[in-house]
Amino acid sequence: MNLYPLKFTPLYKYRIWGGEKLKTELNKNYTEDNIGESWEISDVSGDETVVAEGTLKGKTLRDLTNEFKGDFVGNAVYKKFGEEFPLLIKFIDAKTPLSIQVHPSNEVAKERHNSFGKNEMWYVMQADENAELIVGFDEEITTDGYQKHLENNTILDVMHHEIVSKGDTFYIPTGRVHAIGAGVLLAEIQQTSNITYRIYDYDRVDAKTGEKRELHTEMAKDVLDYKVHSSYKTEYNLEKNTSNKLVHSPYFRTNILDVDATIDKDYSDIDSFVIYMCVEGAIDVICEGKTHTIQQGETLLLPASLKKVALKAVNAKVLEVFY
């Protein structure tokens, strides 16, 4: 059986803060209310996405890595991670704000949860007027100061609030406090991990459970990075029809392409799978004579053994993600 560019069937996640934009903006197909996340490519245990079409339909990432090994993920990736796929790819719609939260490092997550840590990045696809993200602190505080702000309900006062618009990009390393604000639709690229420490949740009650959600204020205390940074937003160039660097970290590398022509891509020097997330317009991915089209809000995985593709669009923006 041969590998080919793969679409996966998304998993739709109810969230207390979820809205309708995954349906209205990205044409996702679901009937439930308050869907906040579309998990596009996932190897999280119990939440594995499966191939949507073709001869490999129904197979999970773990199945594919087990069968094809380095041909699927790349030899270096397979050597490092075995059959664990290293990335989790999502679209997120926040109708109301997410909790204020932080993610533990690889070391802490391994020790406490036998999991990867959760370094992640956001690319804003749409934002309502005055919609904001919370990223990092605006005032330097200590662990004791953090505790006092929580007790006094003033923790939001010392955090960095940034009004955002389409195209804004943020890298969220482990330890950095953060939250997606109301009215933001974004693409999220992260390590394969579902470990989140909630610090503050606006004292709200989940309509489904009738209860407040669990907080992890003590666990968060010793993983938080309390330092203040001069800027939290990622600056980048956007030249037409080429890969522009967005975020390159030890955990994933992401570029953005603004395509209005046909361009050839050769991944011979990348020992990794490549994931395309279409964040605007529609684009054809032409591989071995076959055309695979993805629209805004769709994702395609190019196995590592497929080194040469052409990308063709009238007007599209695509995130290009690889290990």
C-alpha atoms as a PDB file:
ATOM      1  CA  MET A   1       0.000   0.000   0.000  1.00  0.00           C
ATOM      2  CA  ASN A   2       1.440   3.389  -0.983  1.00  0.00           C
ATOM      3  CA  LEU A   3       1.464   6.608   0.986  1.00  0.00           C
ATOM      4  CA  TYR A   4      -0.236   9.715  -0.382  1.00  0.00           C
ATOM      5  CA  PRO A   5      -1.218  13.187   0.967  1.00  0.00           C
ATOM      6  CA  LEU A   6      -3.659  12.491   3.805  1.00  0.00           C
ATOM      7  CA  LYS A   7      -6.768  14.212   5.109  1.00  0.00           C
ATOM      8  CA  PHE A   8      -8.023  13.171   8.529  1.00  0.00           C
ATOM      9  CA  THR A   9     -11.567  13.273   9.905  1.00  0.00           C
ATOM     10  CA  PRO A  10     -11.629  16.056  12.540  1.00  0.00           C
ATOM     11  CA  LEU A  11     -12.759  15.485  16.111  1.00  0.00           C
ATOM     12  CA  TYR A  12     -15.103  18.212  17.409  1.00  0.00           C
ATOM     13  CA  LYS A  13     -14.782  19.140  21.070  1.00  0.00           C
ATOM     14  CA  TYR A  14     -17.452  20.694  23.291  1.00  0.00           C
ATOM     15  CA  ARG A  15     -16.051  23.528  25.354  1.00  0.00           C
ATOM     16  CA  ILE A  16     -17.758  25.754  27.884  1.00  0.00           C
ATOM     17  CA  TRP A  17     -16.420  28.729  25.871  1.00  0.00           C
ATOM     18  CA  GLY A  18     -17.074  27.356  22.352  1.00  0.00           C
ATOM     19  CA  GLY A  19     -19.185  29.054  19.676  1.00  0.00           C
ATOM     20  CA  GLU A  20     -20.281  28.617  16.061  1.00  0.00           C
ATOM     21  CA  LYS A  21     -17.362  29.965  14.001  1.00  0.00           C
ATOM     22  CA  LEU A  22     -15.889  26.560  13.222  1.00  0.00           C
ATOM     23  CA  LYS A  23     -19.154  26.006  11.355  1.00  0.00           C
ATOM     24  CA  THR A  24     -19.879  29.503  10.013  1.00  0.00           C
ATOM     25  CA  GLU A  25     -16.307  30.544   9.146  1.00  0.00           C
ATOM     26  CA  LEU A  26     -14.614  27.202   8.445  1.00  0.00           C
ATOM     27  CA  ASN A  27     -17.590  25.146   7.178  1.00  0.00           C
ATOM     28  CA  LYS A  28     -17.109  22.385   9.720  1.00  0.00           C
ATOM     29  CA  ASN A  29     -19.933  19.860   9.796  1.00  0.00           C
ATOM     30  CA  TYR A  30     -21.400  19.198  13.250  1.00  0.00           C
ATOM     31  CA  THR A  31     -24.735  19.641  15.033  1.00  0.00           C
ATOM     32  CA  GLU A  32     -23.700  20.101  18.676  1.00  0.00           C
ATOM     33  CA  ASP A  33     -23.626  23.471  20.453  1.00  0.00           C
ATOM     34  CA  ASN A  34     -20.552  25.110  21.978  1.00  0.00           C
ATOM     35  CA  ILE A  35     -17.953  23.344  19.833  1.00  0.00           C
ATOM     36  CA  GLY A  36     -14.718  25.115  20.687  1.00  0.00           C
ATOM     37  CA  GLU A  37     -12.071  22.944  19.036  1.00  0.00           C
ATOM     38  CA  SER A  38     -11.614  20.969  15.844  1.00  0.00           C
ATOM     39  CA  TRP A  39      -8.805  18.469  16.370  1.00  0.00           C
ATOM     40  CA  GLU A  40      -7.462  18.053  12.854  1.00  0.00           C
ATOM     41  CA  ILE A  41      -4.536  15.703  13.448  1.00  0.00           C
ATOM     42  CA  SER A  42      -4.292  13.991  16.835  1.00  0.00           C
ATOM     43  CA  ASP A  43      -2.460  11.070  18.416  1.00  0.00           C
ATOM     44  CA  VAL A  44      -3.767  11.848  21.921  1.00  0.00           C
ATOM     45  CA  SER A  45      -4.785   8.576  23.555  1.00  0.00           C
ATOM     46  CA  GLY A  46      -8.550   8.093  23.152  1.00  0.00           C
ATOM     47  CA  ASP A  47      -8.720  10.971  20.680  1.00  0.00           C
ATOM     48  CA  GLU A  48      -6.901   9.606  17.643  1.00  0.00           C
ATOM     49  CA  THR A  49      -7.946  11.062  14.288  1.00  0.00           C
ATOM     50  CA  VAL A  50      -8.355   8.658  11.373  1.00  0.00           C
ATOM     51  CA  VAL A  51      -7.602   8.991   7.658  1.00  0.00           C
ATOM     52  CA  ALA A  52     -10.693  10.314   5.862  1.00  0.00           C
ATOM     53  CA  GLU A  53     -10.255   8.937   2.341  1.00  0.00           C
ATOM     54  CA  GLY A  54      -8.302   6.666   0.008  1.00  0.00           C
ATOM     55  CA  THR A  55      -6.806   3.227   0.524  1.00  0.00           C
ATOM     56  CA  LEU A  56      -5.626   4.106   4.059  1.00  0.00           C
ATOM     57  CA  LYS A  57      -9.082   5.320   5.180  1.00  0.00           C
ATOM     58  CA  GLY A  58      -9.786   4.570   8.854  1.00  0.00           C
ATOM     59  CA  LYS A  59      -6.144   4.261   9.910  1.00  0.00           C
ATOM     60  CA  THR A  60      -4.834   6.279  12.853  1.00  0.00           C
ATOM     61  CA  LEU A  61      -1.494   8.083  13.045  1.00  0.00           C
ATOM     62  CA  ARG A  62      -0.230   5.245  15.248  1.00  0.00           C
ATOM     63  CA  ASP A  63      -1.300   2.690  12.628  1.00  0.00           C
ATOM     64  CA  LEU A  64       0.501   4.612   9.902  1.00  0.00           C
ATOM     65  CA  THR A  65       3.708   5.067  11.906  1.00  0.00           C
ATOM     66  CA  ASN A  66       3.680   1.392  12.849  1.00  0.00           C
ATOM     67  CA  GLU A  67       3.272   0.357   9.218  1.00  0.00           C
ATOM     68  CA  PHE A  68       5.426   2.900   7.377  1.00  0.00           C
ATOM     69  CA  LYS A  69       7.806   4.159  10.095  1.00  0.00           C
ATOM     70  CA  GLY A  70      10.307   6.716   8.713  1.00  0.00           C
ATOM     71  CA  ASP A  71       8.552   6.830   5.352  1.00  0.00           C
ATOM     72  CA  PHE A  72       5.565   8.330   7.150  1.00  0.00           C
ATOM     73  CA  VAL A  73       7.056  10.613   9.810  1.00  0.00           C
ATOM     74  CA  GLY A  74      10.710  10.882   8.738  1.00  0.00           C
ATOM     75  CA  ASN A  75      13.624   8.739   9.920  1.00  0.00           C
ATOM     76  CA  ALA A  76      14.863  11.282  12.476  1.00  0.00           C
ATOM     77  CA  VAL A  77      11.340  11.760  13.864  1.00  0.00           C
ATOM     78  CA  TYR A  78      10.787   8.004  14.094  1.00  0.00           C
ATOM     79  CA  LYS A  79      14.128   7.536  15.833  1.00  0.00           C
ATOM     80  CA  LYS A  80      13.209  10.168  18.428  1.00  0.00           C
ATOM     81  CA  PHE A  81       9.503   9.463  19.012  1.00  0.00           C
ATOM     82  CA  GLY A  82       8.892   5.906  17.830  1.00  0.00           C
ATOM     83  CA  GLU A  83       5.210   5.418  17.135  1.00  0.00           C
ATOM     84  CA  GLU A  84       4.145   8.539  19.055  1.00  0.00           C
ATOM     85  CA  PHE A  85       3.218  11.337  16.647  1.00  0.00           C
ATOM     86  CA  PRO A  86       4.796  14.520  18.082  1.00  0.00           C
ATOM     87  CA  LEU A  87       2.232  17.199  17.071  1.00  0.00           C
ATOM     88  CA  LEU A  88      -1.413  18.016  17.738  1.00  0.00           C
ATOM     89  CA  ILE A  89      -3.094  20.299  15.176  1.00  0.00           C
ATOM     90  CA  LYS A  90      -6.281  22.260  15.981  1.00  0.00           C
ATOM     91  CA  PHE A  91      -8.600  25.080  15.005  1.00  0.00           C
ATOM     92  CA  ILE A  92     -10.066  26.923  18.016  1.00  0.00           C
ATOM     93  CA  ASP A  93     -13.129  29.184  18.328  1.00  0.00           C
ATOM     94  CA  ALA A  94     -13.524  31.141  21.560  1.00  0.00           C
ATOM     95  CA  LYS A  95     -17.002  32.673  21.908  1.00  0.00           C
ATOM     96  CA  THR A  96     -16.167  33.546  25.516  1.00  0.00           C
ATOM     97  CA  PRO A  97     -12.694  33.665  27.107  1.00  0.00           C
ATOM     98  CA  LEU A  98     -10.715  30.534  27.854  1.00  0.00           C
ATOM     99  CA  SER A  99      -9.423  30.027  31.376  1.00  0.00           C
ATOM    100  CA  ILE A 100      -6.140  31.659  32.350  1.00  0.00           C
ATOM    101  CA  GLN A 101      -3.723  28.748  32.071  1.00  0.00           C
ATOM    102  CA  VAL A 102      -0.171  27.498  31.773  1.00  0.00           C
ATOM    103  CA  HIS A 103       1.446  24.321  30.451  1.00  0.00           C
ATOM    104  CA  PRO A 104       4.265  22.360  32.116  1.00  0.00           C
ATOM    105  CA  SER A 105       7.639  21.644  30.513  1.00  0.00           C
ATOM    106  CA  ASN A 106       8.583  18.271  29.040  1.00  0.00           C
ATOM    107  CA  GLU A 107      10.439  17.383  32.240  1.00  0.00           C
ATOM    108  CA  VAL A 108       7.593  18.275  34.616  1.00  0.00           C
ATOM    109  CA  ALA A 109       4.928  16.735  32.358  1.00  0.00           C
ATOM    110  CA  LYS A 110       6.933  13.499  32.125  1.00  0.00           C
ATOM    111  CA  GLU A 111       7.399  13.332  35.899  1.00  0.00           C
ATOM    112  CA  ARG A 112       3.833  14.261  36.880  1.00  0.00           C
ATOM    113  CA  HIS A 113       1.735  12.926  33.996  1.00  0.00           C
ATOM    114  CA  ASN A 114       3.974  10.669  31.855  1.00  0.00           C
ATOM    115  CA  SER A 115       3.255  13.041  28.986  1.00  0.00           C
ATOM    116  CA  PHE A 116       4.994  15.476  26.663  1.00  0.00           C
ATOM    117  CA  GLY A 117       4.981  19.096  27.727  1.00  0.00           C
ATOM    118  CA  LYS A 118       2.948  21.556  25.708  1.00  0.00           C
ATOM    119  CA  ASN A 119       4.813  24.204  23.749  1.00  0.00           C
ATOM    120  CA  GLU A 120       2.373  25.729  21.269  1.00  0.00           C
ATOM    121  CA  MET A 121       1.732  28.567  18.833  1.00  0.00           C
ATOM    122  CA  TRP A 122      -1.312  30.521  17.656  1.00  0.00           C
ATOM    123  CA  TYR A 123      -2.101  32.038  14.267  1.00  0.00           C
ATOM    124  CA  VAL A 124      -5.153  34.320  14.388  1.00  0.00           C
ATOM    125  CA  MET A 125      -7.537  33.620  11.493  1.00  0.00           C
ATOM    126  CA  GLN A 126     -10.341  36.007  12.496  1.00  0.00           C
ATOM    127  CA  ALA A 127     -10.952  38.325  15.426  1.00  0.00           C
ATOM    128  CA  ASP A 128     -13.957  40.413  16.396  1.00  0.00           C
ATOM    129  CA  GLU A 129     -13.406  44.097  17.071  1.00  0.00           C
ATOM    130  CA  ASN A 130     -11.293  44.618  20.204  1.00  0.00           C
ATOM    131  CA  ALA A 131     -10.873  40.859  20.709  1.00  0.00           C
ATOM    132  CA  GLU A 132      -7.737  40.072  22.679  1.00  0.00           C
ATOM    133  CA  LEU A 133      -5.313  37.410  23.756  1.00  0.00           C
ATOM    134  CA  ILE A 134      -3.625  37.209  27.129  1.00  0.00           C
ATOM    135  CA  VAL A 135       0.047  36.265  26.839  1.00  0.00           C
ATOM    136  CA  GLY A 136       2.579  36.619  29.656  1.00  0.00           C
ATOM    137  CA  PHE A 137       2.843  39.181  32.444  1.00  0.00           C
ATOM    138  CA  ASP A 138       3.000  42.974  32.254  1.00  0.00           C
ATOM    139  CA  GLU A 139       4.269  43.273  35.820  1.00  0.00           C
ATOM    140  CA  GLU A 140       7.012  41.189  37.366  1.00  0.00           C
ATOM    141  CA  ILE A 141       5.646  39.226  40.305  1.00  0.00           C
ATOM    142  CA  THR A 142       6.905  36.538  42.676  1.00  0.00           C
ATOM    143  CA  THR A 143       5.292  33.257  43.620  1.00  0.00           C
ATOM    144  CA  ASP A 144       3.906  34.952  46.732  1.00  0.00           C
ATOM    145  CA  GLY A 145       2.609  37.834  44.620  1.00  0.00           C
ATOM    146  CA  TYR A 146       0.909  35.368  42.293  1.00  0.00           C
ATOM    147  CA  GLN A 147      -0.822  33.764  45.291  1.00  0.00           C
ATOM    148  CA  LYS A 148      -1.985  37.147  46.625  1.00  0.00           C
ATOM    149  CA  HIS A 149      -3.378  38.208  43.239  1.00  0.00           C
ATOM    150  CA  LEU A 150      -5.334  34.952  43.056  1.00  0.00           C
ATOM    151  CA  GLU A 151      -6.737  35.443  46.555  1.00  0.00           C
ATOM    152  CA  ASN A 152      -7.685  39.062  45.749  1.00  0.00           C
ATOM    153  CA  ASN A 153      -9.161  38.183  42.336  1.00  0.00           C
ATOM    154  CA  THR A 154      -6.728  40.615  40.668  1.00  0.00           C
ATOM    155  CA  ILE A 155      -4.574  38.166  38.682  1.00  0.00           C
ATOM    156  CA  LEU A 156      -5.877  39.591  35.363  1.00  0.00           C
ATOM    157  CA  ASP A 157      -4.498  43.023  36.315  1.00  0.00           C
ATOM    158  CA  VAL A 158      -0.867  41.930  36.027  1.00  0.00           C
ATOM    159  CA  MET A 159      -1.188  40.024  32.756  1.00  0.00           C
ATOM    160  CA  HIS A 160      -0.416  41.242  29.237  1.00  0.00           C
ATOM    161  CA  HIS A 161      -3.582  41.830  27.200  1.00  0.00           C
ATOM    162  CA  GLU A 162      -3.115  42.327  23.450  1.00  0.00           C
ATOM    163  CA  ILE A 163      -5.840  43.292  20.972  1.00  0.00           C
ATOM    164  CA  VAL A 164      -5.372  41.099  17.899  1.00  0.00           C
ATOM    165  CA  SER A 165      -6.350  40.900  14.242  1.00  0.00           C
ATOM    166  CA  LYS A 166      -6.038  38.398  11.407  1.00  0.00           C
ATOM    167  CA  GLY A 167      -2.482  37.184  10.851  1.00  0.00           C
ATOM    168  CA  ASP A 168      -1.191  37.908  14.354  1.00  0.00           C
ATOM    169  CA  THR A 169       1.046  35.088  15.591  1.00  0.00           C
ATOM    170  CA  PHE A 170       2.196  34.129  19.082  1.00  0.00           C
ATOM    171  CA  TYR A 171       4.551  31.448  20.355  1.00  0.00           C
ATOM    172  CA  ILE A 172       3.547  30.106  23.776  1.00  0.00           C
ATOM    173  CA  PRO A 173       6.455  28.247  25.375  1.00  0.00           C
ATOM    174  CA  THR A 174       5.801  26.120  28.438  1.00  0.00           C
ATOM    175  CA  GLY A 175       5.608  28.248  31.557  1.00  0.00           C
ATOM    176  CA  ARG A 176       4.063  31.269  29.816  1.00  0.00           C
ATOM    177  CA  VAL A 177       0.674  32.216  31.210  1.00  0.00           C
ATOM    178  CA  HIS A 178      -1.939  32.680  28.469  1.00  0.00           C
ATOM    179  CA  ALA A 179      -5.596  32.690  27.423  1.00  0.00           C
ATOM    180  CA  ILE A 180      -7.572  33.125  24.226  1.00  0.00           C
ATOM    181  CA  GLY A 181     -10.088  35.946  24.583  1.00  0.00           C
ATOM    182  CA  ALA A 182     -13.691  36.105  23.403  1.00  0.00           C
ATOM    183  CA  GLY A 183     -14.215  36.532  19.657  1.00  0.00           C
ATOM    184  CA  VAL A 184     -10.971  34.931  18.433  1.00  0.00           C
ATOM    185  CA  LEU A 185     -10.721  32.136  15.851  1.00  0.00           C
ATOM    186  CA  LEU A 186      -7.252  30.685  15.448  1.00  0.00           C
ATOM    187  CA  ALA A 187      -5.059  27.821  14.280  1.00  0.00           C
ATOM    188  CA  GLU A 188      -3.061  26.111  17.020  1.00  0.00           C
ATOM    189  CA  ILE A 189       0.026  23.949  16.590  1.00  0.00           C
ATOM    190  CA  GLN A 190       1.310  22.179  19.695  1.00  0.00           C
ATOM    191  CA  GLN A 191       3.129  19.200  21.057  1.00  0.00           C
ATOM    192  CA  THR A 192       0.996  16.091  21.483  1.00  0.00           C
ATOM    193  CA  SER A 193      -0.174  16.755  25.012  1.00  0.00           C
ATOM    194  CA  ASN A 194      -3.458  17.404  26.760  1.00  0.00           C
ATOM    195  CA  ILE A 195      -1.951  18.752  29.991  1.00  0.00           C
ATOM    196  CA  THR A 196      -3.235  22.185  31.013  1.00  0.00           C
ATOM    197  CA  TYR A 197      -3.085  23.869  34.424  1.00  0.00           C
ATOM    198  CA  ARG A 198      -6.027  26.226  34.915  1.00  0.00           C
ATOM    199  CA  ILE A 199      -5.210  29.197  37.112  1.00  0.00           C
ATOM    200  CA  TYR A 200      -8.394  31.263  36.906  1.00  0.00           C
ATOM    201  CA  ASP A 201     -11.757  30.557  35.271  1.00  0.00           C
ATOM    202  CA  TYR A 202     -13.924  33.628  35.979  1.00  0.00           C
ATOM    203  CA  ASP A 203     -15.906  31.660  38.620  1.00  0.00           C
ATOM    204  CA  ARG A 204     -18.132  30.343  35.842  1.00  0.00           C
ATOM    205  CA  VAL A 205     -20.270  27.224  35.961  1.00  0.00           C
ATOM    206  CA  ASP A 206     -20.345  24.658  33.146  1.00  0.00           C
ATOM    207  CA  ALA A 207     -23.934  24.364  31.908  1.00  0.00           C
ATOM    208  CA  LYS A 208     -23.383  20.675  31.123  1.00  0.00           C
ATOM    209  CA  THR A 209     -22.114  19.666  34.562  1.00  0.00           C
ATOM    210  CA  GLY A 210     -23.610  22.399  36.737  1.00  0.00           C
ATOM    211  CA  GLU A 211     -20.215  22.775  38.394  1.00  0.00           C
ATOM    212  CA  LYS A 212     -17.183  25.020  38.261  1.00  0.00           C
ATOM    213  CA  ARG A 213     -14.194  23.559  36.437  1.00  0.00           C
ATOM    214  CA  GLU A 214     -11.201  22.289  38.387  1.00  0.00           C
ATOM    215  CA  LEU A 215      -8.363  24.734  39.005  1.00  0.00           C
ATOM    216  CA  HIS A 216      -4.692  23.763  39.288  1.00  0.00           C
ATOM    217  CA  THR A 217      -3.293  26.857  41.000  1.00  0.00           C
ATOM    218  CA  GLU A 218      -0.823  24.962  43.189  1.00  0.00           C
ATOM    219  CA  MET A 219       0.548  22.827  40.344  1.00  0.00           C
ATOM    220  CA  ALA A 220       0.933  25.961  38.210  1.00  0.00           C
ATOM    221  CA  LYS A 221       2.882  27.862  40.841  1.00  0.00           C
ATOM    222  CA  ASP A 222       6.246  26.243  40.200  1.00  0.00           C
ATOM    223  CA  VAL A 223       5.993  25.999  36.401  1.00  0.00           C
ATOM    224  CA  LEU A 224       5.068  29.635  35.711  1.00  0.00           C
ATOM    225  CA  ASP A 225       7.587  31.948  34.054  1.00  0.00           C
ATOM    226  CA  TYR A 226       7.094  35.187  35.996  1.00  0.00           C
ATOM    227  CA  LYS A 227       9.457  37.242  33.828  1.00  0.00           C
ATOM    228  CA  VAL A 228       8.153  40.229  31.866  1.00  0.00           C
ATOM    229  CA  HIS A 229       9.077  40.395  28.167  1.00  0.00           C
ATOM    230  CA  SER A 230       9.116  43.530  26.027  1.00  0.00           C
ATOM    231  CA  SER A 231       7.024  41.878  23.310  1.00  0.00           C
ATOM    232  CA  TYR A 232       5.050  38.641  23.006  1.00  0.00           C
ATOM    233  CA  LYS A 233       3.901  38.791  19.395  1.00  0.00           C
ATOM    234  CA  THR A 234       5.918  37.111  16.612  1.00  0.00           C
ATOM    235  CA  GLU A 235       7.041  39.475  13.862  1.00  0.00           C
ATOM    236  CA  TYR A 236       7.407  38.002  10.365  1.00  0.00           C
ATOM    237  CA  ASN A 237       7.723  38.834   6.673  1.00  0.00           C
ATOM    238  CA  LEU A 238       5.058  37.855   4.151  1.00  0.00           C
ATOM    239  CA  GLU A 239       6.635  37.569   0.712  1.00  0.00           C
ATOM    240  CA  LYS A 240       4.487  36.051  -2.019  1.00  0.00           C
ATOM    241  CA  ASN A 241       4.928  32.439  -3.147  1.00  0.00           C
ATOM    242  CA  THR A 242       7.679  31.443  -0.760  1.00  0.00           C
ATOM    243  CA  SER A 243       7.994  29.939   2.725  1.00  0.00           C
ATOM    244  CA  ASN A 244       8.198  32.745   5.298  1.00  0.00           C
ATOM    245  CA  LYS A 245       9.458  31.768   8.754  1.00  0.00           C
ATOM    246  CA  LEU A 246       6.812  32.108  11.479  1.00  0.00           C
ATOM    247  CA  VAL A 247       7.887  30.067  14.498  1.00  0.00           C
ATOM    248  CA  HIS A 248      10.870  27.701  14.568  1.00  0.00           C
ATOM    249  CA  SER A 249      11.260  25.961  17.923  1.00  0.00           C
ATOM    250  CA  PRO A 250      12.808  22.676  19.118  1.00  0.00           C
ATOM    251  CA  TYR A 251       9.298  21.165  19.039  1.00  0.00           C
ATOM    252  CA  PHE A 252       7.999  22.192  15.612  1.00  0.00           C
ATOM    253  CA  ARG A 253       8.756  24.579  12.771  1.00  0.00           C
ATOM    254  CA  THR A 254       6.035  26.633  11.101  1.00  0.00           C
ATOM    255  CA  ASN A 255       6.230  28.798   7.986  1.00  0.00           C
ATOM    256  CA  ILE A 256       3.513  30.729   6.181  1.00  0.00           C
ATOM    257  CA  LEU A 257       2.991  30.830   2.421  1.00  0.00           C
ATOM    258  CA  ASP A 258       0.958  33.538   0.666  1.00  0.00           C
ATOM    259  CA  VAL A 259       0.250  31.857  -2.678  1.00  0.00           C
ATOM    260  CA  ASP A 260      -1.204  33.400  -5.863  1.00  0.00           C
ATOM    261  CA  ALA A 261       0.549  31.232  -8.481  1.00  0.00           C
ATOM    262  CA  THR A 262       1.921  27.713  -8.913  1.00  0.00           C
ATOM    263  CA  ILE A 263       5.057  27.007  -6.892  1.00  0.00           C
ATOM    264  CA  ASP A 264       7.219  23.898  -6.640  1.00  0.00           C
ATOM    265  CA  LYS A 265       8.285  22.604  -3.234  1.00  0.00           C
ATOM    266  CA  ASP A 266      11.137  20.161  -2.664  1.00  0.00           C
ATOM    267  CA  TYR A 267      11.408  18.725   0.864  1.00  0.00           C
ATOM    268  CA  SER A 268      14.502  16.601   0.223  1.00  0.00           C
ATOM    269  CA  ASP A 269      16.388  18.449   2.971  1.00  0.00           C
ATOM    270  CA  ILE A 270      13.620  17.970   5.568  1.00  0.00           C
ATOM    271  CA  ASP A 271      13.557  14.583   7.298  1.00  0.00           C
ATOM    272  CA  SER A 272       9.954  15.015   8.449  1.00  0.00           C
ATOM    273  CA  PHE A 273       6.309  14.878   7.505  1.00  0.00           C
ATOM    274  CA  VAL A 274       4.820  18.242   6.414  1.00  0.00           C
ATOM    275  CA  ILE A 275       1.378  19.500   7.456  1.00  0.00           C
ATOM    276  CA  TYR A 276      -0.497  22.163   5.499  1.00  0.00           C
ATOM    277  CA  MET A 277      -3.168  24.170   7.324  1.00  0.00           C
ATOM    278  CA  CYS A 278      -5.182  26.351   4.960  1.00  0.00           C
ATOM    279  CA  VAL A 279      -5.931  29.560   6.880  1.00  0.00           C
ATOM    280  CA  GLU A 280      -7.309  31.608   3.968  1.00  0.00           C
ATOM    281  CA  GLY A 281      -8.737  30.830   0.514  1.00  0.00           C
ATOM    282  CA  ALA A 282      -8.179  27.421  -1.105  1.00  0.00           C
ATOM    283  CA  ILE A 283      -5.100  25.692  -2.448  1.00  0.00           C
ATOM    284  CA  ASP A 284      -4.313  22.690  -4.634  1.00  0.00           C
ATOM    285  CA  VAL A 285      -1.531  20.380  -3.483  1.00  0.00           C
ATOM    286  CA  ILE A 286      -0.354  18.464  -6.557  1.00  0.00           C
ATOM    287  CA  CYS A 287       1.617  15.310  -5.791  1.00  0.00           C
ATOM    288  CA  GLU A 288       2.579  12.501  -8.170  1.00  0.00           C
ATOM    289  CA  GLY A 289       0.089  13.733 -10.744  1.00  0.00           C
ATOM    290  CA  LYS A 290      -2.883  13.900  -8.362  1.00  0.00           C
ATOM    291  CA  THR A 291      -4.491  17.070  -7.011  1.00  0.00           C
ATOM    292  CA  HIS A 292      -5.563  17.357  -3.366  1.00  0.00           C
ATOM    293  CA  THR A 293      -7.510  20.543  -2.598  1.00  0.00           C
ATOM    294  CA  ILE A 294      -7.828  22.078   0.861  1.00  0.00           C
ATOM    295  CA  GLN A 295     -10.090  25.000   1.712  1.00  0.00           C
ATOM    296  CA  GLN A 296      -9.816  27.463   4.585  1.00  0.00           C
ATOM    297  CA  GLY A 297     -10.118  25.409   7.771  1.00  0.00           C
ATOM    298  CA  GLU A 298      -8.841  22.170   6.231  1.00  0.00           C
ATOM    299  CA  THR A 299      -5.594  20.317   6.864  1.00  0.00           C
ATOM    300  CA  LEU A 300      -3.458  17.955   4.791  1.00  0.00           C
ATOM    301  CA  LEU A 301      -0.520  15.785   5.899  1.00  0.00           C
ATOM    302  CA  LEU A 302       2.273  15.063   3.435  1.00  0.00           C
ATOM    303  CA  PRO A 303       4.155  11.877   4.452  1.00  0.00           C
ATOM    304  CA  ALA A 304       7.925  12.215   4.716  1.00  0.00           C
ATOM    305  CA  SER A 305       8.608   9.974   1.704  1.00  0.00           C
ATOM    306  CA  LEU A 306       6.809  12.397  -0.637  1.00  0.00           C
ATOM    307  CA  LYS A 307       9.462  15.014  -1.263  1.00  0.00           C
ATOM    308  CA  LYS A 308       8.169  16.966  -4.271  1.00  0.00           C
ATOM    309  CA  VAL A 309       4.819  18.747  -4.588  1.00  0.00           C
ATOM    310  CA  ALA A 310       3.405  21.776  -6.362  1.00  0.00           C
ATOM    311  CA  LEU A 311       1.158  24.281  -4.642  1.00  0.00           C
ATOM    312  CA  LYS A 312      -1.351  26.152  -6.776  1.00  0.00           C
ATOM    313  CA  ALA A 313      -3.738  28.915  -5.716  1.00  0.00           C
ATOM    314  CA  VAL A 314      -5.365  32.117  -6.905  1.00  0.00           C
ATOM    315  CA  ASN A 315      -5.186  33.649  -3.442  1.00  0.00           C
ATOM    316  CA  ALA A 316      -4.482  31.505  -0.388  1.00  0.00           C
ATOM    317  CA  LYS A 317      -2.519  31.497   2.837  1.00  0.00           C
ATOM    318  CA  VAL A 318      -1.199  28.224   4.199  1.00  0.00           C
ATOM    319  CA  LEU A 319       0.715  27.285   7.338  1.00  0.00           C
ATOM    320  CA  GLU A 320       3.511  24.819   6.566  1.00  0.00           C
ATOM    321  CA  VAL A 321       4.357  22.751   9.643  1.00  0.00           C
ATOM    322  CA  PHE A 322       7.069  20.150  10.140  1.00  0.00           C
ATOM    323  CA  TYR A 323       9.230  18.758  12.911  1.00  0.00           C
END
